[in-house]
């Protein structure tokens, strides 16, 4: 990391929030989370304004590793620092929990904020083999008033097929085609 940053500075380029965010994401994608947290510490030492998106990158990295406890520690840290937790962060948490097999926990968290198409697609994928979860998510989605996009429609149809609700899937596929 320091070699890259030193080379930038030698060329007269001063690293900024975007530079550090890209480094964070690179480390997280390579499962080098300790290095990512060193970058965060460096950002703090430089008094850069750390926003929700920086934390979302770290949360995604932790979710990929399955380190759910540390995810919630970061959420608490964001709250302590007065950093607004928005849909980007919540969707990152929901997605990570679903991928870690903790869809019920993801569903519980999703009920604490206004979800979007991504939120419901993620939950439907997570519940792909659970009839009750699929039906509950479908009902919540319909009650939310969100206008489902084509991807969400397709995920819902797939989830209904996967839980053996063929007639519902066919009905819903016709309903989606009429809308579009």
C-alpha atoms as a PDB file:
ATOM      1  CA  UNK A   1       0.000   0.000   0.000  1.00  0.00           C
ATOM      2  CA  UNK A   2       2.655   2.526   1.004  1.00  0.00           C
ATOM      3  CA  UNK A   3       4.592   1.913  -2.237  1.00  0.00           C
ATOM      4  CA  UNK A   4       1.538   2.771  -4.308  1.00  0.00           C
ATOM      5  CA  UNK A   5       0.749   5.862  -2.262  1.00  0.00           C
ATOM      6  CA  UNK A   6       4.399   6.963  -2.251  1.00  0.00           C
ATOM      7  CA  UNK A   7       4.544   6.633  -6.045  1.00  0.00           C
ATOM      8  CA  UNK A   8       1.422   8.773  -6.352  1.00  0.00           C
ATOM      9  CA  UNK A   9       2.848  11.453  -4.092  1.00  0.00           C
ATOM     10  CA  UNK A  10       6.215  11.353  -5.922  1.00  0.00           C
ATOM     11  CA  UNK A  11       4.310  12.096  -9.146  1.00  0.00           C
ATOM     12  CA  UNK A  12       2.628  15.078  -7.489  1.00  0.00           C
ATOM     13  CA  UNK A  13      -0.739  13.416  -6.956  1.00  0.00           C
ATOM     14  CA  UNK A  14      -2.223  13.620  -3.492  1.00  0.00           C
ATOM     15  CA  UNK A  15      -4.362  10.580  -2.551  1.00  0.00           C
ATOM     16  CA  UNK A  16      -7.934  11.514  -1.620  1.00  0.00           C
ATOM     17  CA  UNK A  17     -11.045   9.787  -0.277  1.00  0.00           C
ATOM     18  CA  UNK A  18     -11.673   8.068  -3.614  1.00  0.00           C
ATOM     19  CA  UNK A  19      -8.090   6.790  -3.802  1.00  0.00           C
ATOM     20  CA  UNK A  20      -8.305   5.325  -0.328  1.00  0.00           C
ATOM     21  CA  UNK A  21     -11.772   3.876  -0.998  1.00  0.00           C
ATOM     22  CA  UNK A  22     -10.426   2.077  -4.077  1.00  0.00           C
ATOM     23  CA  UNK A  23      -7.559   0.672  -1.988  1.00  0.00           C
ATOM     24  CA  UNK A  24     -10.033  -0.439   0.673  1.00  0.00           C
ATOM     25  CA  UNK A  25     -12.172  -2.189  -1.900  1.00  0.00           C
ATOM     26  CA  UNK A  26      -9.169  -3.884  -3.478  1.00  0.00           C
ATOM     27  CA  UNK A  27      -8.034  -5.259  -0.137  1.00  0.00           C
ATOM     28  CA  UNK A  28     -11.557  -6.384   0.744  1.00  0.00           C
ATOM     29  CA  UNK A  29     -12.034  -8.141  -2.589  1.00  0.00           C
ATOM     30  CA  UNK A  30      -8.777 -10.012  -1.995  1.00  0.00           C
ATOM     31  CA  UNK A  31      -9.849 -10.940   1.571  1.00  0.00           C
ATOM     32  CA  UNK A  32      -7.061  -8.827   3.048  1.00  0.00           C
ATOM     33  CA  UNK A  33      -9.264  -7.236   5.673  1.00  0.00           C
ATOM     34  CA  UNK A  34      -6.532  -6.338   8.134  1.00  0.00           C
ATOM     35  CA  UNK A  35      -4.834  -4.296   5.409  1.00  0.00           C
ATOM     36  CA  UNK A  36      -8.199  -2.691   4.626  1.00  0.00           C
ATOM     37  CA  UNK A  37      -8.600  -1.677   8.266  1.00  0.00           C
ATOM     38  CA  UNK A  38      -5.058  -0.220   8.172  1.00  0.00           C
ATOM     39  CA  UNK A  39      -6.182   1.936   5.246  1.00  0.00           C
ATOM     40  CA  UNK A  40      -9.204   3.042   7.296  1.00  0.00           C
ATOM     41  CA  UNK A  41      -6.914   3.965  10.182  1.00  0.00           C
ATOM     42  CA  UNK A  42      -4.691   5.943   7.817  1.00  0.00           C
ATOM     43  CA  UNK A  43      -7.754   7.769   6.481  1.00  0.00           C
ATOM     44  CA  UNK A  44      -8.762   8.662  10.032  1.00  0.00           C
ATOM     45  CA  UNK A  45      -5.239   9.868  10.826  1.00  0.00           C
ATOM     46  CA  UNK A  46      -5.370  12.124   7.758  1.00  0.00           C
ATOM     47  CA  UNK A  47      -8.705  13.530   8.971  1.00  0.00           C
ATOM     48  CA  UNK A  48     -10.484  12.484   5.775  1.00  0.00           C
ATOM     49  CA  UNK A  49     -14.259  12.610   6.065  1.00  0.00           C
ATOM     50  CA  UNK A  50     -15.226   8.952   6.137  1.00  0.00           C
ATOM     51  CA  UNK A  51     -18.708   8.342   4.791  1.00  0.00           C
ATOM     52  CA  UNK A  52     -21.263   5.553   4.582  1.00  0.00           C
ATOM     53  CA  UNK A  53     -19.736   4.209   1.381  1.00  0.00           C
ATOM     54  CA  UNK A  54     -16.354   3.577   3.005  1.00  0.00           C
ATOM     55  CA  UNK A  55     -18.066   1.592   5.735  1.00  0.00           C
ATOM     56  CA  UNK A  56     -20.210  -0.260   3.184  1.00  0.00           C
ATOM     57  CA  UNK A  57     -17.011  -1.452   1.469  1.00  0.00           C
ATOM     58  CA  UNK A  58     -15.671  -2.792   4.766  1.00  0.00           C
ATOM     59  CA  UNK A  59     -19.024  -4.335   5.690  1.00  0.00           C
ATOM     60  CA  UNK A  60     -19.164  -6.100   2.327  1.00  0.00           C
ATOM     61  CA  UNK A  61     -15.657  -7.464   2.884  1.00  0.00           C
ATOM     62  CA  UNK A  62     -16.580  -8.713   6.345  1.00  0.00           C
ATOM     63  CA  UNK A  63     -19.787 -10.279   5.015  1.00  0.00           C
ATOM     64  CA  UNK A  64     -17.814 -12.101   2.319  1.00  0.00           C
ATOM     65  CA  UNK A  65     -15.677 -13.571   5.075  1.00  0.00           C
ATOM     66  CA  UNK A  66     -18.751 -14.377   7.176  1.00  0.00           C
ATOM     67  CA  UNK A  67     -17.625 -12.188  10.073  1.00  0.00           C
ATOM     68  CA  UNK A  68     -21.126 -11.085  11.074  1.00  0.00           C
ATOM     69  CA  UNK A  69     -20.144  -9.968  14.584  1.00  0.00           C
ATOM     70  CA  UNK A  70     -17.631  -7.520  13.194  1.00  0.00           C
ATOM     71  CA  UNK A  71     -20.260  -6.225  10.740  1.00  0.00           C
ATOM     72  CA  UNK A  72     -22.498  -5.260  13.631  1.00  0.00           C
ATOM     73  CA  UNK A  73     -19.540  -3.688  15.426  1.00  0.00           C
ATOM     74  CA  UNK A  74     -18.982  -1.465  12.388  1.00  0.00           C
ATOM     75  CA  UNK A  75     -22.658  -0.518  12.300  1.00  0.00           C
ATOM     76  CA  UNK A  76     -22.418   0.496  15.962  1.00  0.00           C
ATOM     77  CA  UNK A  77     -19.245   2.460  15.203  1.00  0.00           C
ATOM     78  CA  UNK A  78     -21.048   4.306  12.403  1.00  0.00           C
ATOM     79  CA  UNK A  79     -23.845   5.193  14.792  1.00  0.00           C
ATOM     80  CA  UNK A  80     -21.379   6.404  17.451  1.00  0.00           C
ATOM     81  CA  UNK A  81     -19.624   8.595  14.875  1.00  0.00           C
ATOM     82  CA  UNK A  82     -22.902  10.010  13.592  1.00  0.00           C
ATOM     83  CA  UNK A  83     -22.509   8.488  10.137  1.00  0.00           C
ATOM     84  CA  UNK A  84     -25.924   8.017   8.552  1.00  0.00           C
ATOM     85  CA  UNK A  85     -26.680   4.390   7.750  1.00  0.00           C
ATOM     86  CA  UNK A  86     -28.646   4.376   4.504  1.00  0.00           C
ATOM     87  CA  UNK A  87     -29.945   1.877   2.009  1.00  0.00           C
ATOM     88  CA  UNK A  88     -26.475   1.238   0.535  1.00  0.00           C
ATOM     89  CA  UNK A  89     -25.202  -0.042   3.868  1.00  0.00           C
ATOM     90  CA  UNK A  90     -28.397  -1.849   4.816  1.00  0.00           C
ATOM     91  CA  UNK A  91     -28.547  -3.609   1.449  1.00  0.00           C
ATOM     92  CA  UNK A  92     -24.900  -4.587   1.835  1.00  0.00           C
ATOM     93  CA  UNK A  93     -25.675  -6.125   5.222  1.00  0.00           C
ATOM     94  CA  UNK A  94     -28.822  -7.877   3.952  1.00  0.00           C
ATOM     95  CA  UNK A  95     -26.938  -9.266   0.964  1.00  0.00           C
ATOM     96  CA  UNK A  96     -24.021 -10.447   3.096  1.00  0.00           C
ATOM     97  CA  UNK A  97     -26.253 -12.105   5.671  1.00  0.00           C
ATOM     98  CA  UNK A  98     -28.230 -13.917   2.972  1.00  0.00           C
ATOM     99  CA  UNK A  99     -25.029 -15.180   1.374  1.00  0.00           C
ATOM    100  CA  UNK A 100     -23.845 -16.339   4.796  1.00  0.00           C
ATOM    101  CA  UNK A 101     -27.058 -18.370   5.205  1.00  0.00           C
ATOM    102  CA  UNK A 102     -28.572 -15.983   7.740  1.00  0.00           C
ATOM    103  CA  UNK A 103     -31.597 -14.916   5.699  1.00  0.00           C
ATOM    104  CA  UNK A 104     -33.903 -14.678   8.719  1.00  0.00           C
ATOM    105  CA  UNK A 105     -31.524 -12.189  10.346  1.00  0.00           C
ATOM    106  CA  UNK A 106     -31.307 -10.273   7.045  1.00  0.00           C
ATOM    107  CA  UNK A 107     -35.096 -10.193   6.855  1.00  0.00           C
ATOM    108  CA  UNK A 108     -35.290  -8.881  10.419  1.00  0.00           C
ATOM    109  CA  UNK A 109     -32.848  -6.081   9.595  1.00  0.00           C
ATOM    110  CA  UNK A 110     -34.671  -5.224   6.351  1.00  0.00           C
ATOM    111  CA  UNK A 111     -37.832  -4.487   8.302  1.00  0.00           C
ATOM    112  CA  UNK A 112     -36.043  -1.626  10.048  1.00  0.00           C
ATOM    113  CA  UNK A 113     -35.698   0.504   6.923  1.00  0.00           C
ATOM    114  CA  UNK A 114     -37.463   1.205   3.649  1.00  0.00           C
ATOM    115  CA  UNK A 115     -36.255  -1.443   1.234  1.00  0.00           C
ATOM    116  CA  UNK A 116     -35.992  -1.282  -2.513  1.00  0.00           C
ATOM    117  CA  UNK A 117     -35.975  -3.781  -5.378  1.00  0.00           C
ATOM    118  CA  UNK A 118     -32.455  -4.896  -4.459  1.00  0.00           C
ATOM    119  CA  UNK A 119     -33.513  -5.599  -0.874  1.00  0.00           C
ATOM    120  CA  UNK A 120     -36.396  -7.826  -1.898  1.00  0.00           C
ATOM    121  CA  UNK A 121     -34.459  -9.615  -4.657  1.00  0.00           C
ATOM    122  CA  UNK A 122     -31.759 -10.441  -2.159  1.00  0.00           C
ATOM    123  CA  UNK A 123     -34.238 -11.796   0.373  1.00  0.00           C
ATOM    124  CA  UNK A 124     -36.017 -13.862  -2.295  1.00  0.00           C
ATOM    125  CA  UNK A 125     -32.698 -15.400  -3.316  1.00  0.00           C
ATOM    126  CA  UNK A 126     -31.904 -16.084   0.330  1.00  0.00           C
ATOM    127  CA  UNK A 127     -35.254 -17.772   0.914  1.00  0.00           C
ATOM    128  CA  UNK A 128     -35.133 -19.712  -2.370  1.00  0.00           C
ATOM    129  CA  UNK A 129     -35.908 -23.028  -0.685  1.00  0.00           C
ATOM    130  CA  UNK A 130     -38.262 -21.828   2.058  1.00  0.00           C
ATOM    131  CA  UNK A 131     -41.938 -21.468   1.146  1.00  0.00           C
ATOM    132  CA  UNK A 132     -42.819 -19.325   4.159  1.00  0.00           C
ATOM    133  CA  UNK A 133     -39.889 -16.977   3.589  1.00  0.00           C
ATOM    134  CA  UNK A 134     -40.660 -16.539  -0.109  1.00  0.00           C
ATOM    135  CA  UNK A 135     -44.348 -15.907   0.532  1.00  0.00           C
ATOM    136  CA  UNK A 136     -43.649 -13.510   3.402  1.00  0.00           C
ATOM    137  CA  UNK A 137     -41.144 -11.555   1.304  1.00  0.00           C
ATOM    138  CA  UNK A 138     -43.587 -11.497  -1.641  1.00  0.00           C
ATOM    139  CA  UNK A 139     -46.342 -10.130   0.629  1.00  0.00           C
ATOM    140  CA  UNK A 140     -44.028  -7.512   2.163  1.00  0.00           C
ATOM    141  CA  UNK A 141     -42.857  -6.475  -1.298  1.00  0.00           C
ATOM    142  CA  UNK A 142     -46.412  -6.079  -2.564  1.00  0.00           C
ATOM    143  CA  UNK A 143     -47.403  -4.102   0.544  1.00  0.00           C
ATOM    144  CA  UNK A 144     -44.363  -1.823   0.220  1.00  0.00           C
ATOM    145  CA  UNK A 145     -45.779  -0.160  -2.873  1.00  0.00           C
ATOM    146  CA  UNK A 146     -42.483  -0.515  -4.713  1.00  0.00           C
ATOM    147  CA  UNK A 147     -42.879  -0.809  -8.456  1.00  0.00           C
ATOM    148  CA  UNK A 148     -41.055  -4.029  -9.173  1.00  0.00           C
ATOM    149  CA  UNK A 149     -38.532  -3.944 -11.969  1.00  0.00           C
ATOM    150  CA  UNK A 150     -38.091  -6.815 -14.412  1.00  0.00           C
ATOM    151  CA  UNK A 151     -35.217  -8.325 -12.425  1.00  0.00           C
ATOM    152  CA  UNK A 152     -37.271  -8.434  -9.223  1.00  0.00           C
ATOM    153  CA  UNK A 153     -40.187 -10.001 -11.120  1.00  0.00           C
ATOM    154  CA  UNK A 154     -37.863 -12.666 -12.510  1.00  0.00           C
ATOM    155  CA  UNK A 155     -36.354 -13.416  -9.107  1.00  0.00           C
ATOM    156  CA  UNK A 156     -39.814 -13.714  -7.558  1.00  0.00           C
ATOM    157  CA  UNK A 157     -40.988 -16.056 -10.324  1.00  0.00           C
ATOM    158  CA  UNK A 158     -37.855 -18.179  -9.907  1.00  0.00           C
ATOM    159  CA  UNK A 159     -38.292 -18.305  -6.121  1.00  0.00           C
ATOM    160  CA  UNK A 160     -41.935 -19.377  -6.514  1.00  0.00           C
ATOM    161  CA  UNK A 161     -40.888 -22.146  -8.909  1.00  0.00           C
ATOM    162  CA  UNK A 162     -38.122 -23.285  -6.561  1.00  0.00           C
ATOM    163  CA  UNK A 163     -40.515 -23.714  -3.644  1.00  0.00           C
ATOM    164  CA  UNK A 164     -42.919 -25.657  -5.858  1.00  0.00           C
ATOM    165  CA  UNK A 165     -45.559 -22.966  -6.236  1.00  0.00           C
ATOM    166  CA  UNK A 166     -45.871 -23.468 -10.001  1.00  0.00           C
ATOM    167  CA  UNK A 167     -49.363 -21.981 -10.395  1.00  0.00           C
ATOM    168  CA  UNK A 168     -48.397 -18.871  -8.443  1.00  0.00           C
ATOM    169  CA  UNK A 169     -45.245 -18.513 -10.542  1.00  0.00           C
ATOM    170  CA  UNK A 170     -47.209 -18.790 -13.785  1.00  0.00           C
ATOM    171  CA  UNK A 171     -49.841 -16.337 -12.572  1.00  0.00           C
ATOM    172  CA  UNK A 172     -47.199 -13.879 -11.481  1.00  0.00           C
ATOM    173  CA  UNK A 173     -45.242 -14.223 -14.739  1.00  0.00           C
ATOM    174  CA  UNK A 174     -48.379 -13.282 -16.681  1.00  0.00           C
ATOM    175  CA  UNK A 175     -49.005 -10.368 -14.314  1.00  0.00           C
ATOM    176  CA  UNK A 176     -45.422  -9.082 -14.856  1.00  0.00           C
ATOM    177  CA  UNK A 177     -45.705  -9.386 -18.651  1.00  0.00           C
ATOM    178  CA  UNK A 178     -48.947  -7.406 -18.698  1.00  0.00           C
ATOM    179  CA  UNK A 179     -47.310  -4.602 -16.688  1.00  0.00           C
ATOM    180  CA  UNK A 180     -44.288  -4.301 -18.938  1.00  0.00           C
END
